[in-house]
Amino acid sequence: MTTVRVGEVRFRVYPQDHLPRHVHGFIGRGEVIVDLRADGSVALADRADAVRCVTRAEVRKVLLAAATGFGRLAAAWEGMHNG
């Protein structure tokens, strides 16, 4: 597992994880799963468990942090999943 901190958000990339390219963002006691799109943008993952125990404001913070740290997060995913 690789962890990247961007501000108050800890992002984790898990080995042998599935596509699409994504990270797990932890803030407070909750988690937000964020897709890292090929065009350099981020989006809330399209899955039922994408948001766990967070407020809307925390979701926004996680998405903003993912956008800010996109390069580092994408590099972490690619490094863990062999490009």
PDB file of N, CA and C in Angstrom:
ATOM      1  N   MET A   1       0.844  -1.169   0.000  1.00  0.00           N
ATOM      2  CA  MET A   1       0.000   0.000   0.000  1.00  0.00           C
ATOM      3  C   MET A   1       0.893   1.236   0.000  1.00  0.00           C
ATOM      4  N   THR A   2       0.491   2.228  -0.773  1.00  0.00           N
ATOM      5  CA  THR A   2       1.181   3.511  -0.821  1.00  0.00           C
ATOM      6  C   THR A   2       0.248   4.582  -0.269  1.00  0.00           C
ATOM      7  N   THR A   3       0.782   5.472   0.540  1.00  0.00           N
ATOM      8  CA  THR A   3      -0.003   6.576   1.094  1.00  0.00           C
ATOM      9  C   THR A   3       0.598   7.897   0.640  1.00  0.00           C
ATOM     10  N   VAL A   4      -0.283   8.810   0.199  1.00  0.00           N
ATOM     11  CA  VAL A   4       0.117  10.152  -0.220  1.00  0.00           C
ATOM     12  C   VAL A   4      -0.766  11.132   0.546  1.00  0.00           C
ATOM     13  N   ARG A   5      -0.155  12.069   1.252  1.00  0.00           N
ATOM     14  CA  ARG A   5      -0.927  13.070   1.984  1.00  0.00           C
ATOM     15  C   ARG A   5      -0.983  14.355   1.168  1.00  0.00           C
ATOM     16  N   VAL A   6      -2.201  14.880   1.039  1.00  0.00           N
ATOM     17  CA  VAL A   6      -2.415  16.178   0.403  1.00  0.00           C
ATOM     18  C   VAL A   6      -3.276  16.972   1.380  1.00  0.00           C
ATOM     19  N   GLY A   7      -2.666  17.953   2.043  1.00  0.00           N
ATOM     20  CA  GLY A   7      -3.392  18.700   3.065  1.00  0.00           C
ATOM     21  C   GLY A   7      -3.836  17.767   4.175  1.00  0.00           C
ATOM     22  N   GLU A   8      -5.107  17.852   4.518  1.00  0.00           N
ATOM     23  CA  GLU A   8      -5.623  17.013   5.606  1.00  0.00           C
ATOM     24  C   GLU A   8      -6.131  15.655   5.136  1.00  0.00           C
ATOM     25  N   VAL A   9      -5.964  15.348   3.868  1.00  0.00           N
ATOM     26  CA  VAL A   9      -6.469  14.090   3.305  1.00  0.00           C
ATOM     27  C   VAL A   9      -5.317  13.116   3.093  1.00  0.00           C
ATOM     28  N   ARG A  10      -5.508  11.886   3.556  1.00  0.00           N
ATOM     29  CA  ARG A  10      -4.558  10.798   3.304  1.00  0.00           C
ATOM     30  C   ARG A  10      -5.148   9.942   2.190  1.00  0.00           C
ATOM     31  N   PHE A  11      -4.419   9.805   1.111  1.00  0.00           N
ATOM     32  CA  PHE A  11      -4.853   8.972  -0.001  1.00  0.00           C
ATOM     33  C   PHE A  11      -4.079   7.667   0.030  1.00  0.00           C
ATOM     34  N   ARG A  12      -4.785   6.580  -0.227  1.00  0.00           N
ATOM     35  CA  ARG A  12      -4.139   5.272  -0.282  1.00  0.00           C
ATOM     36  C   ARG A  12      -4.365   4.639  -1.649  1.00  0.00           C
ATOM     37  N   VAL A  13      -3.303   3.992  -2.125  1.00  0.00           N
ATOM     38  CA  VAL A  13      -3.364   3.185  -3.339  1.00  0.00           C
ATOM     39  C   VAL A  13      -3.041   1.763  -2.899  1.00  0.00           C
ATOM     40  N   TYR A  14      -3.927   0.852  -3.236  1.00  0.00           N
ATOM     41  CA  TYR A  14      -3.750  -0.530  -2.817  1.00  0.00           C
ATOM     42  C   TYR A  14      -3.169  -1.376  -3.951  1.00  0.00           C
ATOM     43  N   PRO A  15      -2.241  -2.289  -3.624  1.00  0.00           N
ATOM     44  CA  PRO A  15      -1.671  -3.154  -4.660  1.00  0.00           C
ATOM     45  C   PRO A  15      -2.734  -4.101  -5.204  1.00  0.00           C
ATOM     46  N   GLN A  16      -2.589  -4.438  -6.450  1.00  0.00           N
ATOM     47  CA  GLN A  16      -3.481  -5.381  -7.121  1.00  0.00           C
ATOM     48  C   GLN A  16      -4.941  -4.928  -7.066  1.00  0.00           C
ATOM     49  N   ASP A  17      -5.164  -3.614  -7.017  1.00  0.00           N
ATOM     50  CA  ASP A  17      -6.523  -3.074  -7.022  1.00  0.00           C
ATOM     51  C   ASP A  17      -7.038  -3.062  -8.459  1.00  0.00           C
ATOM     52  N   HIS A  18      -8.298  -2.872  -8.618  1.00  0.00           N
ATOM     53  CA  HIS A  18      -8.979  -2.973  -9.912  1.00  0.00           C
ATOM     54  C   HIS A  18      -9.035  -1.630 -10.634  1.00  0.00           C
ATOM     55  N   LEU A  19      -9.277  -1.689 -11.911  1.00  0.00           N
ATOM     56  CA  LEU A  19      -9.571  -0.491 -12.703  1.00  0.00           C
ATOM     57  C   LEU A  19     -11.017  -0.090 -12.447  1.00  0.00           C
ATOM     58  N   PRO A  20     -11.391   1.152 -12.672  1.00  0.00           N
ATOM     59  CA  PRO A  20     -10.581   2.246 -13.185  1.00  0.00           C
ATOM     60  C   PRO A  20      -9.577   2.735 -12.135  1.00  0.00           C
ATOM     61  N   ARG A  21      -8.583   3.474 -12.625  1.00  0.00           N
ATOM     62  CA  ARG A  21      -7.548   4.039 -11.760  1.00  0.00           C
ATOM     63  C   ARG A  21      -8.230   4.917 -10.713  1.00  0.00           C
ATOM     64  N   HIS A  22      -7.958   4.630  -9.450  1.00  0.00           N
ATOM     65  CA  HIS A  22      -8.627   5.363  -8.371  1.00  0.00           C
ATOM     66  C   HIS A  22      -7.776   5.341  -7.100  1.00  0.00           C
ATOM     67  N   VAL A  23      -8.137   6.218  -6.181  1.00  0.00           N
ATOM     68  CA  VAL A  23      -7.498   6.280  -4.865  1.00  0.00           C
ATOM     69  C   VAL A  23      -8.585   6.334  -3.802  1.00  0.00           C
ATOM     70  N   HIS A  24      -8.198   5.945  -2.604  1.00  0.00           N
ATOM     71  CA  HIS A  24      -9.095   5.998  -1.449  1.00  0.00           C
ATOM     72  C   HIS A  24      -8.640   7.167  -0.587  1.00  0.00           C
ATOM     73  N   GLY A  25      -9.504   8.170  -0.443  1.00  0.00           N
ATOM     74  CA  GLY A  25      -9.165   9.355   0.335  1.00  0.00           C
ATOM     75  C   GLY A  25      -9.795   9.277   1.716  1.00  0.00           C
ATOM     76  N   PHE A  26      -8.986   9.451   2.740  1.00  0.00           N
ATOM     77  CA  PHE A  26      -9.449   9.380   4.119  1.00  0.00           C
ATOM     78  C   PHE A  26      -9.379  10.755   4.754  1.00  0.00           C
ATOM     79  N   ILE A  27     -10.505  11.151   5.321  1.00  0.00           N
ATOM     80  CA  ILE A  27     -10.606  12.440   6.001  1.00  0.00           C
ATOM     81  C   ILE A  27     -11.474  12.216   7.237  1.00  0.00           C
ATOM     82  N   GLY A  28     -11.034  12.748   8.371  1.00  0.00           N
ATOM     83  CA  GLY A  28     -11.776  12.496   9.603  1.00  0.00           C
ATOM     84  C   GLY A  28     -11.885  10.998   9.825  1.00  0.00           C
ATOM     85  N   ARG A  29     -13.113  10.531  10.035  1.00  0.00           N
ATOM     86  CA  ARG A  29     -13.341   9.094  10.235  1.00  0.00           C
ATOM     87  C   ARG A  29     -13.896   8.423   8.987  1.00  0.00           C
ATOM     88  N   GLY A  30     -13.948   9.161   7.865  1.00  0.00           N
ATOM     89  CA  GLY A  30     -14.582   8.636   6.672  1.00  0.00           C
ATOM     90  C   GLY A  30     -13.641   8.408   5.511  1.00  0.00           C
ATOM     91  N   GLU A  31     -14.245   7.922   4.420  1.00  0.00           N
ATOM     92  CA  GLU A  31     -13.503   7.574   3.213  1.00  0.00           C
ATOM     93  C   GLU A  31     -14.291   7.997   1.982  1.00  0.00           C
ATOM     94  N   VAL A  32     -13.554   8.473   0.983  1.00  0.00           N
ATOM     95  CA  VAL A  32     -14.132   8.849  -0.309  1.00  0.00           C
ATOM     96  C   VAL A  32     -13.265   8.211  -1.385  1.00  0.00           C
ATOM     97  N   ILE A  33     -13.876   7.488  -2.316  1.00  0.00           N
ATOM     98  CA  ILE A  33     -13.134   6.864  -3.402  1.00  0.00           C
ATOM     99  C   ILE A  33     -13.217   7.771  -4.619  1.00  0.00           C
ATOM    100  N   VAL A  34     -12.045   8.100  -5.162  1.00  0.00           N
ATOM    101  CA  VAL A  34     -11.929   9.087  -6.231  1.00  0.00           C
ATOM    102  C   VAL A  34     -11.284   8.452  -7.458  1.00  0.00           C
ATOM    103  N   ASP A  35     -11.952   8.574  -8.607  1.00  0.00           N
ATOM    104  CA  ASP A  35     -11.372   8.128  -9.866  1.00  0.00           C
ATOM    105  C   ASP A  35     -10.387   9.167 -10.375  1.00  0.00           C
ATOM    106  N   LEU A  36      -9.271   8.691 -10.905  1.00  0.00           N
ATOM    107  CA  LEU A  36      -8.250   9.540 -11.525  1.00  0.00           C
ATOM    108  C   LEU A  36      -8.373   9.333 -13.026  1.00  0.00           C
ATOM    109  N   ARG A  37      -9.004  10.259 -13.696  1.00  0.00           N
ATOM    110  CA  ARG A  37      -9.315  10.097 -15.115  1.00  0.00           C
ATOM    111  C   ARG A  37      -8.103  10.350 -16.008  1.00  0.00           C
ATOM    112  N   ALA A  38      -8.138   9.741 -17.179  1.00  0.00           N
ATOM    113  CA  ALA A  38      -7.043   9.866 -18.149  1.00  0.00           C
ATOM    114  C   ALA A  38      -6.827  11.300 -18.609  1.00  0.00           C
ATOM    115  N   ASP A  39      -7.885  12.126 -18.583  1.00  0.00           N
ATOM    116  CA  ASP A  39      -7.759  13.519 -19.029  1.00  0.00           C
ATOM    117  C   ASP A  39      -7.196  14.444 -17.957  1.00  0.00           C
ATOM    118  N   GLY A  40      -6.805  13.879 -16.811  1.00  0.00           N
ATOM    119  CA  GLY A  40      -6.223  14.678 -15.744  1.00  0.00           C
ATOM    120  C   GLY A  40      -7.226  15.227 -14.746  1.00  0.00           C
ATOM    121  N   SER A  41      -8.485  14.855 -14.888  1.00  0.00           N
ATOM    122  CA  SER A  41      -9.504  15.309 -13.945  1.00  0.00           C
ATOM    123  C   SER A  41      -9.786  14.208 -12.917  1.00  0.00           C
ATOM    124  N   VAL A  42     -10.509  14.574 -11.878  1.00  0.00           N
ATOM    125  CA  VAL A  42     -10.912  13.619 -10.848  1.00  0.00           C
ATOM    126  C   VAL A  42     -12.430  13.610 -10.760  1.00  0.00           C
ATOM    127  N   ALA A  43     -12.967  12.499 -10.266  1.00  0.00           N
ATOM    128  CA  ALA A  43     -14.419  12.386 -10.093  1.00  0.00           C
ATOM    129  C   ALA A  43     -14.705  11.407  -8.965  1.00  0.00           C
ATOM    130  N   LEU A  44     -15.810  11.639  -8.311  1.00  0.00           N
ATOM    131  CA  LEU A  44     -16.283  10.686  -7.321  1.00  0.00           C
ATOM    132  C   LEU A  44     -16.514   9.360  -8.035  1.00  0.00           C
ATOM    133  N   ALA A  45     -15.998   8.286  -7.487  1.00  0.00           N
ATOM    134  CA  ALA A  45     -16.145   6.973  -8.116  1.00  0.00           C
ATOM    135  C   ALA A  45     -17.628   6.628  -8.273  1.00  0.00           C
ATOM    136  N   ASP A  46     -17.937   5.987  -9.375  1.00  0.00           N
ATOM    137  CA  ASP A  46     -19.317   5.599  -9.680  1.00  0.00           C
ATOM    138  C   ASP A  46     -19.579   4.204  -9.119  1.00  0.00           C
ATOM    139  N   ARG A  47     -19.720   4.161  -7.798  1.00  0.00           N
ATOM    140  CA  ARG A  47     -19.990   2.903  -7.113  1.00  0.00           C
ATOM    141  C   ARG A  47     -20.714   3.201  -5.813  1.00  0.00           C
ATOM    142  N   ALA A  48     -21.458   2.253  -5.345  1.00  0.00           N
ATOM    143  CA  ALA A  48     -22.324   2.467  -4.179  1.00  0.00           C
ATOM    144  C   ALA A  48     -21.550   2.819  -2.916  1.00  0.00           C
ATOM    145  N   ASP A  49     -20.336   2.309  -2.785  1.00  0.00           N
ATOM    146  CA  ASP A  49     -19.570   2.536  -1.555  1.00  0.00           C
ATOM    147  C   ASP A  49     -18.530   3.643  -1.694  1.00  0.00           C
ATOM    148  N   ALA A  50     -18.720   4.563  -2.625  1.00  0.00           N
ATOM    149  CA  ALA A  50     -17.734   5.626  -2.876  1.00  0.00           C
ATOM    150  C   ALA A  50     -17.637   6.632  -1.737  1.00  0.00           C
ATOM    151  N   VAL A  51     -18.680   6.750  -0.937  1.00  0.00           N
ATOM    152  CA  VAL A  51     -18.697   7.719   0.160  1.00  0.00           C
ATOM    153  C   VAL A  51     -19.085   6.988   1.437  1.00  0.00           C
ATOM    154  N   ARG A  52     -18.203   7.080   2.435  1.00  0.00           N
ATOM    155  CA  ARG A  52     -18.471   6.394   3.699  1.00  0.00           C
ATOM    156  C   ARG A  52     -18.190   7.326   4.872  1.00  0.00           C
ATOM    157  N   CYS A  53     -19.208   7.629   5.625  1.00  0.00           N
ATOM    158  CA  CYS A  53     -19.072   8.358   6.890  1.00  0.00           C
ATOM    159  C   CYS A  53     -18.445   9.738   6.748  1.00  0.00           C
ATOM    160  N   VAL A  54     -18.809  10.474   5.691  1.00  0.00           N
ATOM    161  CA  VAL A  54     -18.304  11.832   5.494  1.00  0.00           C
ATOM    162  C   VAL A  54     -19.449  12.777   5.166  1.00  0.00           C
ATOM    163  N   THR A  55     -19.221  14.053   5.400  1.00  0.00           N
ATOM    164  CA  THR A  55     -20.197  15.080   5.040  1.00  0.00           C
ATOM    165  C   THR A  55     -19.967  15.513   3.592  1.00  0.00           C
ATOM    166  N   ARG A  56     -20.899  16.258   3.051  1.00  0.00           N
ATOM    167  CA  ARG A  56     -20.719  16.800   1.696  1.00  0.00           C
ATOM    168  C   ARG A  56     -19.493  17.706   1.628  1.00  0.00           C
ATOM    169  N   ALA A  57     -19.296  18.489   2.676  1.00  0.00           N
ATOM    170  CA  ALA A  57     -18.131  19.385   2.709  1.00  0.00           C
ATOM    171  C   ALA A  57     -16.835  18.581   2.675  1.00  0.00           C
ATOM    172  N   GLU A  58     -16.800  17.444   3.368  1.00  0.00           N
ATOM    173  CA  GLU A  58     -15.605  16.607   3.354  1.00  0.00           C
ATOM    174  C   GLU A  58     -15.393  15.972   1.977  1.00  0.00           C
ATOM    175  N   VAL A  59     -16.469  15.589   1.305  1.00  0.00           N
ATOM    176  CA  VAL A  59     -16.350  15.053  -0.053  1.00  0.00           C
ATOM    177  C   VAL A  59     -15.705  16.101  -0.954  1.00  0.00           C
ATOM    178  N   ARG A  60     -16.169  17.340  -0.846  1.00  0.00           N
ATOM    179  CA  ARG A  60     -15.587  18.421  -1.653  1.00  0.00           C
ATOM    180  C   ARG A  60     -14.105  18.603  -1.339  1.00  0.00           C
ATOM    181  N   LYS A  61     -13.736  18.554  -0.060  1.00  0.00           N
ATOM    182  CA  LYS A  61     -12.328  18.695   0.328  1.00  0.00           C
ATOM    183  C   LYS A  61     -11.481  17.582  -0.268  1.00  0.00           C
ATOM    184  N   VAL A  62     -11.993  16.363  -0.240  1.00  0.00           N
ATOM    185  CA  VAL A  62     -11.244  15.232  -0.788  1.00  0.00           C
ATOM    186  C   VAL A  62     -11.074  15.388  -2.293  1.00  0.00           C
ATOM    187  N   LEU A  63     -12.140  15.767  -3.002  1.00  0.00           N
ATOM    188  CA  LEU A  63     -12.048  15.955  -4.450  1.00  0.00           C
ATOM    189  C   LEU A  63     -11.070  17.077  -4.802  1.00  0.00           C
ATOM    190  N   LEU A  64     -11.098  18.162  -4.054  1.00  0.00           N
ATOM    191  CA  LEU A  64     -10.161  19.266  -4.296  1.00  0.00           C
ATOM    192  C   LEU A  64      -8.725  18.824  -4.025  1.00  0.00           C
ATOM    193  N   ALA A  65      -8.510  18.093  -2.939  1.00  0.00           N
ATOM    194  CA  ALA A  65      -7.172  17.601  -2.630  1.00  0.00           C
ATOM    195  C   ALA A  65      -6.681  16.639  -3.713  1.00  0.00           C
ATOM    196  N   ALA A  66      -7.568  15.785  -4.227  1.00  0.00           N
ATOM    197  CA  ALA A  66      -7.192  14.847  -5.294  1.00  0.00           C
ATOM    198  C   ALA A  66      -6.810  15.603  -6.558  1.00  0.00           C
ATOM    199  N   ALA A  67      -7.553  16.655  -6.874  1.00  0.00           N
ATOM    200  CA  ALA A  67      -7.234  17.464  -8.054  1.00  0.00           C
ATOM    201  C   ALA A  67      -5.885  18.149  -7.873  1.00  0.00           C
ATOM    202  N   THR A  68      -5.640  18.677  -6.688  1.00  0.00           N
ATOM    203  CA  THR A  68      -4.385  19.362  -6.384  1.00  0.00           C
ATOM    204  C   THR A  68      -3.192  18.405  -6.466  1.00  0.00           C
ATOM    205  N   GLY A  69      -3.372  17.207  -5.958  1.00  0.00           N
ATOM    206  CA  GLY A  69      -2.290  16.234  -5.935  1.00  0.00           C
ATOM    207  C   GLY A  69      -2.357  15.206  -7.052  1.00  0.00           C
ATOM    208  N   PHE A  70      -3.090  15.521  -8.118  1.00  0.00           N
ATOM    209  CA  PHE A  70      -3.332  14.542  -9.181  1.00  0.00           C
ATOM    210  C   PHE A  70      -2.050  13.876  -9.680  1.00  0.00           C
ATOM    211  N   GLY A  71      -1.032  14.645  -9.973  1.00  0.00           N
ATOM    212  CA  GLY A  71       0.215  14.088 -10.508  1.00  0.00           C
ATOM    213  C   GLY A  71       0.838  13.064  -9.580  1.00  0.00           C
ATOM    214  N   ARG A  72       0.907  13.383  -8.309  1.00  0.00           N
ATOM    215  CA  ARG A  72       1.472  12.462  -7.320  1.00  0.00           C
ATOM    216  C   ARG A  72       0.613  11.220  -7.167  1.00  0.00           C
ATOM    217  N   LEU A  73      -0.709  11.412  -7.171  1.00  0.00           N
ATOM    218  CA  LEU A  73      -1.616  10.275  -7.004  1.00  0.00           C
ATOM    219  C   LEU A  73      -1.570   9.344  -8.215  1.00  0.00           C
ATOM    220  N   ALA A  74      -1.581   9.929  -9.409  1.00  0.00           N
ATOM    221  CA  ALA A  74      -1.519   9.116 -10.628  1.00  0.00           C
ATOM    222  C   ALA A  74      -0.192   8.357 -10.687  1.00  0.00           C
ATOM    223  N   ALA A  75       0.911   9.018 -10.309  1.00  0.00           N
ATOM    224  CA  ALA A  75       2.219   8.362 -10.304  1.00  0.00           C
ATOM    225  C   ALA A  75       2.241   7.209  -9.294  1.00  0.00           C
ATOM    226  N   ALA A  76       1.616   7.405  -8.146  1.00  0.00           N
ATOM    227  CA  ALA A  76       1.552   6.342  -7.141  1.00  0.00           C
ATOM    228  C   ALA A  76       0.773   5.145  -7.676  1.00  0.00           C
ATOM    229  N   TRP A  77      -0.363   5.411  -8.333  1.00  0.00           N
ATOM    230  CA  TRP A  77      -1.165   4.316  -8.916  1.00  0.00           C
ATOM    231  C   TRP A  77      -0.340   3.575  -9.979  1.00  0.00           C
ATOM    232  N   GLU A  78       0.263   4.333 -10.887  1.00  0.00           N
ATOM    233  CA  GLU A  78       1.022   3.721 -11.978  1.00  0.00           C
ATOM    234  C   GLU A  78       2.212   2.931 -11.442  1.00  0.00           C
ATOM    235  N   GLY A  79       2.882   3.483 -10.433  1.00  0.00           N
ATOM    236  CA  GLY A  79       4.010   2.777  -9.847  1.00  0.00           C
ATOM    237  C   GLY A  79       3.602   1.472  -9.180  1.00  0.00           C
ATOM    238  N   MET A  80       2.462   1.478  -8.557  1.00  0.00           N
ATOM    239  CA  MET A  80       1.987   0.287  -7.858  1.00  0.00           C
ATOM    240  C   MET A  80       1.433  -0.760  -8.832  1.00  0.00           C
ATOM    241  N   HIS A  81       0.934  -0.287  -9.978  1.00  0.00           N
ATOM    242  CA  HIS A  81       0.279  -1.193 -10.932  1.00  0.00           C
ATOM    243  C   HIS A  81       1.053  -1.334 -12.233  1.00  0.00           C
ATOM    244  N   ASN A  82       2.346  -1.056 -12.184  1.00  0.00           N
ATOM    245  CA  ASN A  82       3.245  -1.246 -13.326  1.00  0.00           C
ATOM    246  C   ASN A  82       2.799  -0.521 -14.579  1.00  0.00           C
ATOM    247  N   GLY A  83       2.391   0.742 -14.410  1.00  0.00           N
ATOM    248  CA  GLY A  83       2.047   1.597 -15.545  1.00  0.00           C
ATOM    249  C   GLY A  83       0.779   1.194 -16.186  1.00  0.00           C
TER     250      GLY A  83
END
